[in-house]
Structures are given as C-alpha cells and as structure tokens.
N, C-alpha and C. Protein backbone atom coordinates (compact mmCIF):
# COMPACT_ATOMS: atom_id res chain seq x y z
N UNK A 1 9.75 -4.06 13.60
CA UNK A 1 10.15 -3.19 14.20
C UNK A 1 9.56 -1.60 14.21
N UNK A 2 9.32 -0.90 15.00
CA UNK A 2 8.63 0.07 15.56
C UNK A 2 8.82 1.23 14.19
N UNK A 3 8.09 1.81 13.62
CA UNK A 3 8.42 3.06 12.75
C UNK A 3 8.02 4.38 13.58
N UNK A 4 8.05 5.31 13.15
CA UNK A 4 7.96 6.38 14.47
C UNK A 4 6.06 6.64 14.04
N UNK A 5 5.48 6.45 14.78
CA UNK A 5 4.19 7.08 14.50
C UNK A 5 4.10 8.12 13.84
N UNK A 6 3.05 8.13 13.07
CA UNK A 6 3.06 9.38 12.58
C UNK A 6 0.77 9.33 11.74
N UNK A 7 0.57 10.01 12.47
CA UNK A 7 -0.52 10.73 11.58
C UNK A 7 -0.94 11.27 10.69
N UNK A 8 -1.34 10.59 9.41
CA UNK A 8 -2.32 11.49 8.56
C UNK A 8 -3.65 12.15 8.15
N UNK A 9 -3.03 13.12 7.72
CA UNK A 9 -4.08 13.88 7.68
C UNK A 9 -5.56 13.89 6.35
N UNK A 10 -6.42 13.32 6.86
CA UNK A 10 -7.53 13.12 5.37
C UNK A 10 -7.68 14.73 4.59
N UNK A 11 -7.20 15.71 4.82
CA UNK A 11 -7.22 16.88 4.32
C UNK A 11 -6.04 17.11 3.69
N UNK A 12 -5.64 16.29 2.97
CA UNK A 12 -4.65 15.98 1.53
C UNK A 12 -5.42 15.87 0.33
N UNK A 13 -4.12 16.53 -0.26
CA UNK A 13 -4.40 16.67 -1.82
C UNK A 13 -5.66 16.03 -2.24
N UNK A 14 -6.61 16.20 -3.29
CA UNK A 14 -7.20 15.39 -4.43
C UNK A 14 -7.26 15.28 -5.18
N UNK A 15 -5.88 15.54 -5.40
CA UNK A 15 -4.97 15.45 -6.87
C UNK A 15 -4.61 13.75 -6.42
N UNK A 16 -4.20 12.88 -7.37
CA UNK A 16 -3.31 11.68 -7.23
C UNK A 16 -1.92 12.18 -8.03
N UNK A 17 -0.91 11.91 -7.24
CA UNK A 17 0.66 11.93 -7.80
C UNK A 17 0.61 10.86 -9.40
N UNK A 18 0.68 11.47 -10.25
CA UNK A 18 0.67 10.64 -12.02
C UNK A 18 1.84 10.61 -12.34
N UNK A 19 2.06 9.28 -12.81
CA UNK A 19 3.83 9.69 -14.07
C UNK A 19 4.79 8.93 -12.93
N UNK A 20 5.72 9.13 -13.95
CA UNK A 20 6.80 8.78 -12.74
C UNK A 20 8.16 9.15 -13.26
N UNK A 21 7.84 10.14 -13.77
CA UNK A 21 9.49 11.21 -13.76
C UNK A 21 10.05 11.53 -12.38
N UNK A 22 9.13 11.64 -11.14
CA UNK A 22 9.92 11.55 -10.16
C UNK A 22 10.30 10.53 -9.63
N UNK A 23 10.09 9.06 -9.71
CA UNK A 23 9.65 7.47 -9.33
C UNK A 23 11.59 7.35 -8.71
N UNK A 24 11.86 6.60 -7.60
CA UNK A 24 13.06 6.69 -7.22
C UNK A 24 13.08 4.97 -7.54
N UNK A 25 14.59 4.56 -7.95
CA UNK A 25 15.22 3.08 -8.65
C UNK A 25 16.39 2.86 -7.64
N UNK A 26 17.09 1.27 -7.22
CA UNK A 26 17.38 1.71 -6.47
C UNK A 26 18.83 1.07 -7.47
N UNK A 27 20.17 1.09 -7.10
CA UNK A 27 21.17 0.97 -8.02
C UNK A 27 20.97 -0.14 -8.79
N UNK A 28 20.13 -1.53 -8.19
CA UNK A 28 19.60 -2.37 -9.43
C UNK A 28 18.42 -2.16 -10.36
N UNK A 29 18.40 -1.04 -10.03
CA UNK A 29 17.37 -0.55 -11.38
C UNK A 29 15.87 -0.97 -10.84
N UNK A 30 16.08 -1.96 -9.53
CA UNK A 30 14.60 -1.80 -9.37
C UNK A 30 13.23 -0.60 -8.93
N UNK A 31 12.23 -0.62 -9.11
CA UNK A 31 11.38 0.11 -8.81
C UNK A 31 11.14 0.29 -7.05
N UNK A 32 11.32 1.80 -6.35
CA UNK A 32 10.85 1.50 -5.01
C UNK A 32 9.29 1.80 -5.07
N UNK A 33 9.01 0.60 -4.32
CA UNK A 33 7.21 1.24 -3.94
C UNK A 33 6.82 1.20 -2.46
N UNK A 34 6.06 2.21 -2.07
CA UNK A 34 5.99 2.04 -0.32
C UNK A 34 4.08 2.09 -0.35
N UNK A 35 4.02 1.11 0.22
CA UNK A 35 2.37 0.82 0.52
C UNK A 35 2.59 0.42 2.36
N UNK A 36 1.10 0.53 2.56
CA UNK A 36 0.32 -0.10 3.92
C UNK A 36 -0.32 -1.39 3.99
N UNK A 37 -0.69 -1.85 4.96
CA UNK A 37 -1.39 -3.04 5.13
C UNK A 37 -2.42 -2.22 6.27
N UNK A 38 -3.34 -1.64 5.94
CA UNK A 38 -3.85 -1.05 7.07
C UNK A 38 -5.13 -1.62 7.48
N UNK A 39 -5.17 -1.42 9.08
CA UNK A 39 -5.86 -2.51 9.65
C UNK A 39 -6.74 -1.89 10.62
N UNK A 40 -7.91 -2.61 10.96
CA UNK A 40 -8.89 -1.92 12.12
C UNK A 40 -8.60 -1.72 13.17
N UNK A 41 -8.83 -0.54 13.85
CA UNK A 41 -8.57 -0.87 15.15
C UNK A 41 -8.12 -1.82 16.06
N UNK A 42 -9.36 -3.03 16.30
CA UNK A 42 -8.94 -4.40 16.89
C UNK A 42 -8.24 -4.72 16.39
N UNK A 43 -7.80 -4.56 15.10
CA UNK A 43 -6.78 -5.84 14.09
C UNK A 43 -7.27 -6.88 14.02
N UNK A 44 -8.55 -6.69 13.60
CA UNK A 44 -9.47 -7.91 13.19
C UNK A 44 -9.49 -7.96 11.93
N UNK A 45 -9.58 -6.35 11.11
CA UNK A 45 -9.37 -6.47 9.73
C UNK A 45 -8.81 -6.29 9.03
N UNK A 46 -8.53 -6.68 7.56
CA UNK A 46 -7.67 -5.37 7.23
C UNK A 46 -8.31 -5.09 5.40
N UNK A 47 -8.20 -3.04 5.26
CA UNK A 47 -8.82 -2.86 4.01
C UNK A 47 -7.87 -3.36 2.98
N UNK A 48 -8.84 -3.84 1.61
CA UNK A 48 -8.09 -3.82 0.09
C UNK A 48 -9.04 -3.12 -0.51
N UNK A 49 -7.78 -2.61 -1.51
CA UNK A 49 -8.74 -2.34 -2.57
C UNK A 49 -8.63 -2.56 -4.12
N UNK A 50 -9.68 -1.96 -4.94
CA UNK A 50 -9.64 -2.83 -6.16
C UNK A 50 -8.39 -2.37 -7.12
N UNK A 51 -7.87 -3.31 -7.54
CA UNK A 51 -6.51 -2.85 -8.67
C UNK A 51 -7.41 -2.07 -9.67
N UNK A 52 -6.87 -1.69 -10.36
CA UNK A 52 -7.08 -0.38 -11.89
C UNK A 52 -6.30 -1.33 -12.67
N UNK A 53 -5.69 -1.74 -12.62
CA UNK A 53 -4.66 -2.39 -13.46
C UNK A 53 -5.62 -3.95 -13.85
N UNK A 54 -6.12 -4.76 -13.00
CA UNK A 54 -5.89 -6.49 -13.28
C UNK A 54 -7.31 -6.17 -12.30
N UNK A 55 -8.07 -7.39 -12.41
CA UNK A 55 -9.20 -7.71 -12.03
C UNK A 55 -8.34 -8.49 -10.57
N UNK A 56 -9.22 -7.62 -9.20
CA UNK A 56 -9.01 -8.23 -7.72
C UNK A 56 -8.60 -7.47 -6.87
N UNK A 57 -8.26 -7.63 -5.65
CA UNK A 57 -8.23 -7.17 -4.73
C UNK A 57 -6.50 -6.53 -4.44
N UNK A 58 -5.66 -5.41 -3.94
CA UNK A 58 -4.72 -5.15 -3.60
C UNK A 58 -4.37 -4.67 -2.22
N UNK A 59 -3.39 -4.02 -1.67
CA UNK A 59 -2.79 -3.76 -0.75
C UNK A 59 -3.01 -2.17 -1.56
N UNK A 60 -3.67 -0.78 -0.69
CA UNK A 60 -2.67 0.57 -1.23
C UNK A 60 -1.63 0.30 -1.14
N UNK A 61 -0.97 1.41 -2.26
CA UNK A 61 0.78 0.89 -2.64
C UNK A 61 1.45 1.80 -3.72
N UNK A 62 2.47 1.84 -4.03
CA UNK A 62 2.99 2.82 -5.49
C UNK A 62 4.39 3.59 -5.33
N UNK A 63 4.31 4.27 -5.95
CA UNK A 63 5.60 4.56 -6.42
C UNK A 63 6.46 5.61 -5.29
N UNK A 64 7.69 5.70 -4.59
CA UNK A 64 8.06 6.55 -3.46
C UNK A 64 8.85 7.34 -4.59
N UNK A 65 8.44 8.34 -4.61
CA UNK A 65 9.19 9.91 -5.11
C UNK A 65 9.95 10.29 -4.34
N UNK A 66 11.07 11.10 -4.97
CA UNK A 66 12.23 11.61 -4.73
C UNK A 66 11.98 12.27 -3.92
N UNK A 67 10.96 13.37 -3.89
CA UNK A 67 10.52 14.27 -3.09
C UNK A 67 9.70 14.34 -1.97
N UNK A 68 9.93 12.94 -1.35
CA UNK A 68 9.33 12.52 0.01
C UNK A 68 10.10 11.41 0.80
N UNK A 69 9.88 11.43 1.86
CA UNK A 69 10.24 9.84 2.48
C UNK A 69 9.34 8.57 2.38
N UNK A 70 9.91 7.86 2.76
CA UNK A 70 9.35 6.35 2.20
C UNK A 70 7.97 6.19 2.89
N UNK A 71 7.86 6.35 4.57
CA UNK A 71 7.12 6.39 5.15
C UNK A 71 5.60 7.63 4.51
N UNK A 72 6.12 8.25 4.29
CA UNK A 72 5.18 9.38 3.63
C UNK A 72 4.59 9.24 2.60
N UNK A 73 5.36 8.61 1.72
CA UNK A 73 4.92 8.14 0.23
C UNK A 73 4.13 6.85 0.87
N UNK A 74 4.02 6.04 1.07
CA UNK A 74 3.00 5.11 1.80
C UNK A 74 1.70 5.81 2.24
N UNK A 75 1.78 6.82 3.29
CA UNK A 75 0.31 7.59 3.55
C UNK A 75 -0.34 7.95 2.54
N UNK A 76 0.57 8.67 1.72
CA UNK A 76 -0.12 8.82 0.26
C UNK A 76 -0.56 8.67 -0.12
N UNK A 77 -0.20 7.45 -0.46
CA UNK A 77 -1.03 6.00 -1.43
C UNK A 77 -2.07 5.46 -0.72
N UNK A 78 -2.22 5.52 0.71
CA UNK A 78 -3.14 5.17 1.59
C UNK A 78 -4.12 5.74 1.31
N UNK A 79 -4.07 7.33 1.50
CA UNK A 79 -5.00 8.44 1.23
C UNK A 79 -5.38 8.40 -0.28
N UNK A 80 -4.63 8.54 -1.40
CA UNK A 80 -4.40 8.47 -3.13
C UNK A 80 -5.92 7.16 -2.97
N UNK A 81 -5.57 6.06 -2.95
CA UNK A 81 -6.39 4.92 -3.29
C UNK A 81 -7.17 4.49 -2.68
N UNK A 82 -6.73 4.75 -0.95
CA UNK A 82 -8.56 3.64 -0.64
C UNK A 82 -9.19 5.28 0.54
N UNK A 83 -8.39 6.33 0.29
CA UNK A 83 -9.25 7.19 0.54
C UNK A 83 -9.55 7.40 2.12
N UNK A 84 -8.13 6.76 3.09
CA UNK A 84 -8.25 6.15 4.61
C UNK A 84 -7.33 7.58 5.04
N UNK A 85 -7.65 7.61 6.45
CA UNK A 85 -6.94 8.86 7.40
C UNK A 85 -6.32 7.66 8.23
N UNK A 86 -4.92 7.05 8.64
CA UNK A 86 -4.27 6.32 8.92
C UNK A 86 -2.95 6.60 10.01
N UNK A 87 -2.99 5.54 10.87
CA UNK A 87 -1.45 6.12 12.11
C UNK A 87 -0.73 5.23 11.64
N UNK A 88 0.45 5.00 10.95
CA UNK A 88 1.19 4.43 10.73
C UNK A 88 2.15 3.75 11.92
N UNK A 89 1.90 2.46 12.10
CA UNK A 89 2.68 1.99 13.53
C UNK A 89 3.64 0.76 13.61
N UNK A 90 3.56 0.26 12.28
CA UNK A 90 5.32 -0.38 11.94
C UNK A 90 6.09 -0.76 10.64
N UNK A 91 7.27 -0.25 11.07
CA UNK A 91 7.44 -0.96 9.78
C UNK A 91 7.82 -2.29 9.48
N UNK A 92 7.32 -2.79 8.28
CA UNK A 92 7.46 -4.42 7.53
C UNK A 92 8.48 -4.65 7.10
N UNK A 93 9.23 -3.92 6.62
CA UNK A 93 10.62 -3.66 6.19
C UNK A 93 10.37 -4.28 4.35
N UNK A 94 11.29 -4.70 3.79
CA UNK A 94 11.11 -4.77 2.42
C UNK A 94 11.19 -6.21 1.69
N UNK A 95 10.28 -6.31 0.75
CA UNK A 95 9.57 -7.19 -0.06
C UNK A 95 10.47 -7.27 -1.04
N UNK A 96 10.85 -7.98 -2.15
CA UNK A 96 11.21 -7.96 -3.50
C UNK A 96 10.07 -9.08 -4.07
N UNK A 97 10.00 -8.00 -4.87
CA UNK A 97 8.67 -8.74 -6.41
C UNK A 97 8.92 -9.78 -6.53
N UNK A 98 8.22 -11.17 -6.71
CA UNK A 98 8.57 -12.43 -7.38
C UNK A 98 8.30 -12.98 -8.45
N UNK A 99 7.27 -12.25 -8.44
CA UNK A 99 6.41 -12.08 -9.98
C UNK A 99 7.54 -12.23 -11.14
N UNK A 100 7.53 -12.86 -12.32
CA UNK A 100 8.28 -13.02 -13.34
C UNK A 100 7.67 -11.55 -14.13
N UNK A 101 9.13 -10.84 -14.72
CA UNK A 101 8.47 -9.78 -15.34
C UNK A 101 7.72 -10.22 -16.67
N UNK A 102 6.99 -9.47 -17.08
CA UNK A 102 6.13 -9.40 -18.07
C UNK A 102 6.65 -9.34 -19.24
N UNK A 103 7.96 -8.59 -19.30
CA UNK A 103 8.46 -8.01 -20.58
C UNK A 103 9.83 -7.79 -19.91
N UNK A 104 10.75 -8.38 -21.29
CA UNK A 104 12.32 -8.94 -20.52
C UNK A 104 12.80 -7.57 -19.96
N UNK A 105 12.55 -6.28 -20.44
CA UNK A 105 12.66 -4.99 -20.01
C UNK A 105 12.28 -4.32 -19.14
N UNK A 106 11.00 -4.92 -18.17
CA UNK A 106 10.20 -3.94 -17.64
C UNK A 106 11.64 -4.30 -16.59
N UNK A 107 10.91 -2.95 -15.37
CA UNK A 107 12.15 -2.92 -13.95
C UNK A 107 11.15 -3.62 -13.17
N UNK A 108 11.77 -4.50 -12.20
CA UNK A 108 11.13 -5.04 -11.04
C UNK A 108 11.11 -4.33 -9.75
N UNK A 109 10.29 -4.36 -9.13
CA UNK A 109 9.41 -3.64 -7.84
C UNK A 109 10.11 -4.05 -6.54
N UNK A 110 10.44 -3.36 -5.80
CA UNK A 110 11.31 -3.21 -4.17
C UNK A 110 10.16 -2.64 -3.50
N UNK A 111 9.25 -3.11 -2.69
CA UNK A 111 8.60 -2.77 -2.02
C UNK A 111 8.73 -2.72 -0.47
N UNK A 112 8.04 -1.66 0.22
CA UNK A 112 8.68 -1.53 1.66
C UNK A 112 7.06 -1.20 2.22
N UNK A 113 6.53 -1.86 2.97
CA UNK A 113 5.12 -1.55 3.84
C UNK A 113 4.71 -1.22 4.97
N UNK A 114 4.12 -1.01 5.50
CA UNK A 114 4.35 -0.44 6.75
C UNK A 114 2.51 -0.68 7.09
N UNK A 115 2.38 -1.45 8.64
CA UNK A 115 1.54 -1.49 9.08
C UNK A 115 1.07 0.08 9.63
N UNK A 116 -0.38 0.01 9.13
CA UNK A 116 -1.37 1.25 9.40
C UNK A 116 -2.48 1.01 10.35
N UNK A 117 -2.84 1.96 11.29
CA UNK A 117 -4.04 1.46 11.89
C UNK A 117 -5.39 2.95 10.84
N UNK A 118 -6.05 2.22 10.85
CA UNK A 118 -7.17 3.51 9.89
C UNK A 118 -7.93 4.14 11.34
N UNK A 119 -7.89 5.33 11.18
CA UNK A 119 -8.79 5.99 12.22
C UNK A 119 -10.26 6.73 11.05
N UNK A 120 -9.89 6.92 9.52
CA UNK A 120 -11.65 7.26 8.96
C UNK A 120 -11.22 6.82 7.33
N UNK A 121 -12.71 6.71 7.67
CA UNK A 121 -12.99 6.46 5.54
C UNK A 121 -13.16 7.48 5.43
N UNK A 122 -13.06 8.71 4.06
CA UNK A 122 -13.53 9.61 3.73
C UNK A 122 -14.22 9.04 2.92
N UNK A 123 -15.37 10.15 2.75
CA UNK A 123 -16.30 10.06 1.48
C UNK A 123 -15.91 10.24 0.37
N UNK A 124 -15.07 11.14 0.07
CA UNK A 124 -14.37 11.60 -1.60
C UNK A 124 -12.82 11.84 -1.08
N UNK A 125 -12.25 11.28 -1.97
CA UNK A 125 -10.88 10.52 -2.37
C UNK A 125 -10.35 10.75 -3.52
N UNK A 126 -8.91 11.12 -4.21
CA UNK A 126 -8.42 10.88 -5.51
C UNK A 126 -8.87 10.40 -6.23
N UNK A 127 -8.68 8.92 -5.89
CA UNK A 127 -9.41 7.85 -6.47
C UNK A 127 -10.77 7.20 -6.50
N UNK A 128 -11.40 8.00 -6.13
CA UNK A 128 -12.97 7.39 -5.56
C UNK A 128 -13.76 7.07 -6.61
N UNK A 129 -13.42 7.30 -8.00
CA UNK A 129 -14.53 7.10 -9.09
C UNK A 129 -13.47 5.94 -9.38
N UNK A 130 -12.41 5.33 -9.57
CA UNK A 130 -11.57 4.10 -9.77
C UNK A 130 -11.56 2.91 -8.77
N UNK A 131 -11.77 3.40 -7.89
CA UNK A 131 -11.63 1.99 -7.01
C UNK A 131 -12.40 1.69 -5.87
N UNK A 132 -12.66 0.87 -5.18
CA UNK A 132 -13.84 0.14 -4.36
C UNK A 132 -12.98 -0.53 -3.52
N UNK A 133 -13.07 -0.07 -2.11
CA UNK A 133 -12.56 -0.81 -0.64
C UNK A 133 -13.40 -1.69 -0.04
N UNK A 134 -12.75 -2.43 0.83
CA UNK A 134 -13.70 -3.05 1.25
C UNK A 134 -12.56 -3.58 2.67
N UNK A 135 -13.54 -4.12 3.82
CA UNK A 135 -13.14 -5.00 4.86
C UNK A 135 -12.93 -6.40 4.37
N UNK A 136 -11.88 -7.28 4.83
CA UNK A 136 -11.58 -8.27 5.22
C UNK A 136 -10.97 -9.05 6.24
N UNK A 137 -11.17 -10.04 6.40
CA UNK A 137 -10.80 -10.59 7.49
C UNK A 137 -9.13 -11.28 6.88
N UNK A 138 -7.94 -11.73 8.06
CA UNK A 138 -6.87 -11.95 7.28
C UNK A 138 -6.92 -13.04 6.53
N UNK A 139 -8.06 -14.62 6.57
CA UNK A 139 -8.18 -15.96 6.35
C UNK A 139 -8.61 -15.01 4.17
N UNK A 140 -9.47 -14.20 4.17
CA UNK A 140 -10.26 -13.62 3.26
C UNK A 140 -9.21 -12.89 2.03
N UNK A 141 -8.33 -11.97 2.90
CA UNK A 141 -7.21 -11.31 2.47
C UNK A 141 -6.32 -12.45 1.65
N UNK A 142 -5.48 -12.86 2.71
CA UNK A 142 -4.89 -13.95 2.23
C UNK A 142 -5.41 -14.71 0.88
N UNK A 143 -6.51 -15.54 0.98
CA UNK A 143 -6.96 -15.79 -0.50
C UNK A 143 -6.67 -14.84 -1.61
N UNK A 144 -7.62 -13.62 -1.44
CA UNK A 144 -7.63 -12.92 -2.68
C UNK A 144 -6.58 -12.58 -3.06
N UNK A 145 -5.26 -12.07 -1.87
CA UNK A 145 -4.52 -12.11 -2.59
C UNK A 145 -3.15 -13.26 -2.92
N UNK A 146 -3.54 -14.49 -3.51
CA UNK A 146 -2.88 -15.37 -3.72
C UNK A 146 -1.95 -15.23 -5.07
N UNK A 147 -2.62 -14.47 -5.82
CA UNK A 147 -1.54 -14.22 -6.76
C UNK A 147 -0.76 -13.23 -6.80
N UNK A 148 -0.44 -12.53 -5.77
CA UNK A 148 0.67 -11.67 -5.39
C UNK A 148 1.17 -11.64 -4.27
N UNK A 149 2.31 -12.59 -4.13
CA UNK A 149 2.91 -13.46 -2.63
C UNK A 149 3.69 -12.35 -2.02
N UNK A 150 4.31 -11.18 -2.94
CA UNK A 150 4.54 -9.75 -1.90
C UNK A 150 3.75 -9.01 -0.66
N UNK A 151 2.10 -9.15 -1.97
CA UNK A 151 1.38 -8.53 -0.38
C UNK A 151 0.75 -9.36 0.12
N UNK A 152 0.95 -10.68 0.32
CA UNK A 152 0.38 -11.22 1.30
C UNK A 152 1.35 -11.89 2.44
N UNK A 153 2.74 -11.55 1.74
CA UNK A 153 3.87 -11.61 2.63
C UNK A 153 3.42 -10.41 3.38
N UNK A 154 3.28 -9.19 2.96
CA UNK A 154 3.48 -7.79 3.49
C UNK A 154 1.85 -8.15 4.91
N UNK A 155 1.05 -9.22 4.65
CA UNK A 155 -0.06 -9.13 5.25
C UNK A 155 0.50 -9.77 6.52
N UNK A 156 0.97 -11.08 6.21
CA UNK A 156 1.56 -11.90 6.85
C UNK A 156 2.31 -11.63 8.06
N UNK A 157 3.65 -10.41 7.31
CA UNK A 157 4.09 -9.69 8.39
C UNK A 157 3.55 -8.90 9.18
N UNK A 158 2.26 -8.53 9.28
CA UNK A 158 1.57 -7.14 10.18
C UNK A 158 1.07 -8.09 11.27
N UNK A 159 0.19 -7.57 12.45
CA UNK A 159 -0.19 -8.31 13.68
C UNK A 159 -1.89 -8.61 13.50
N UNK A 160 -2.36 -8.59 12.10
CA UNK A 160 -3.55 -8.97 11.76
C UNK A 160 -3.85 -10.12 13.05
N UNK A 161 -5.07 -10.23 13.50
CA UNK A 161 -5.25 -11.75 14.30
C UNK A 161 -5.82 -12.22 13.45
N UNK A 162 -5.38 -14.02 13.21
CA UNK A 162 -5.26 -14.37 12.70
C UNK A 162 -6.46 -15.51 12.90
C-alpha cells in the first residue's frame, strides 16, 4: 500500500531524541516502533546500520513518539541513526516482535516499517559516532538479519531486487 510520498530534509536536528517519556504504547502495552527499509534508487541494495545494543546489523528504527506521525518518526530515525536523506515510498505495515522477552515484565514491540529511497548520505549525523552504515544486497541483508525475524519480514515486504 502506498504512503504519501514525503521527502525528508537532511538539515534536521543534530541531536538524537533520548528517553521514553514521549513513547507511544498501544492498548496491549506494546511499544510502538517506526522504521525504514532504506533502498538504493535502483532498488538493488538496502542500507543497514550497526546495532548499538547488540553485535550485528539492523534496519533504522526507533520509538514512535506522541508528538509526531508514524511516517515522521520513521524518517527521523533514518536521519538520526543512518544520516540519510530519504523519500518514503510505501507503508509496509505492522509487524509484531516475535522474539521472547528477556524479562517477564519487558514490553513487546509492534513495528511499522516504511520503504524509503535514499537520496543522499550525509557525512555528519546525530549518531555518526555510534554507528556504521553499509549497503547490502537482499541475500546479504537477509542473512545478516536472521536473528531478527521482524526485520527480515520488513525487508521481504519491500520491493528490493532479489
């Protein structure tokens, strides 16, 4: 399903939002998370970023906050975590977190991903000192995301060339 096309300016704030005071949760207590599947203009590559919490690679994503629309939260996360100027092309829908919670009281997440075209990669961005970013083919990315089935599902829903 198509989302309204929205181009995001790379001149956004150089400060990452932190904390969860503005975090959205649904009626089931699930943390609402917005993210992007950032594709090259020819749809042959996807950009992944290094996780700051675990080893490995992930898609840009983060908490959807109460003062923004979901599509804007996804674009903000792409800027903060990957330093990319994007155009959001499609809403890829909701994906439930299928991983078992580490603690019985830990909230689950409900992800909403958007397919995006990367128009530029900025040299300086809010989390540049914490993260690497790299382009991968579908096959490479699918393998790198195998421990994160919700991220694999978002990749699978995208129009990347397989």
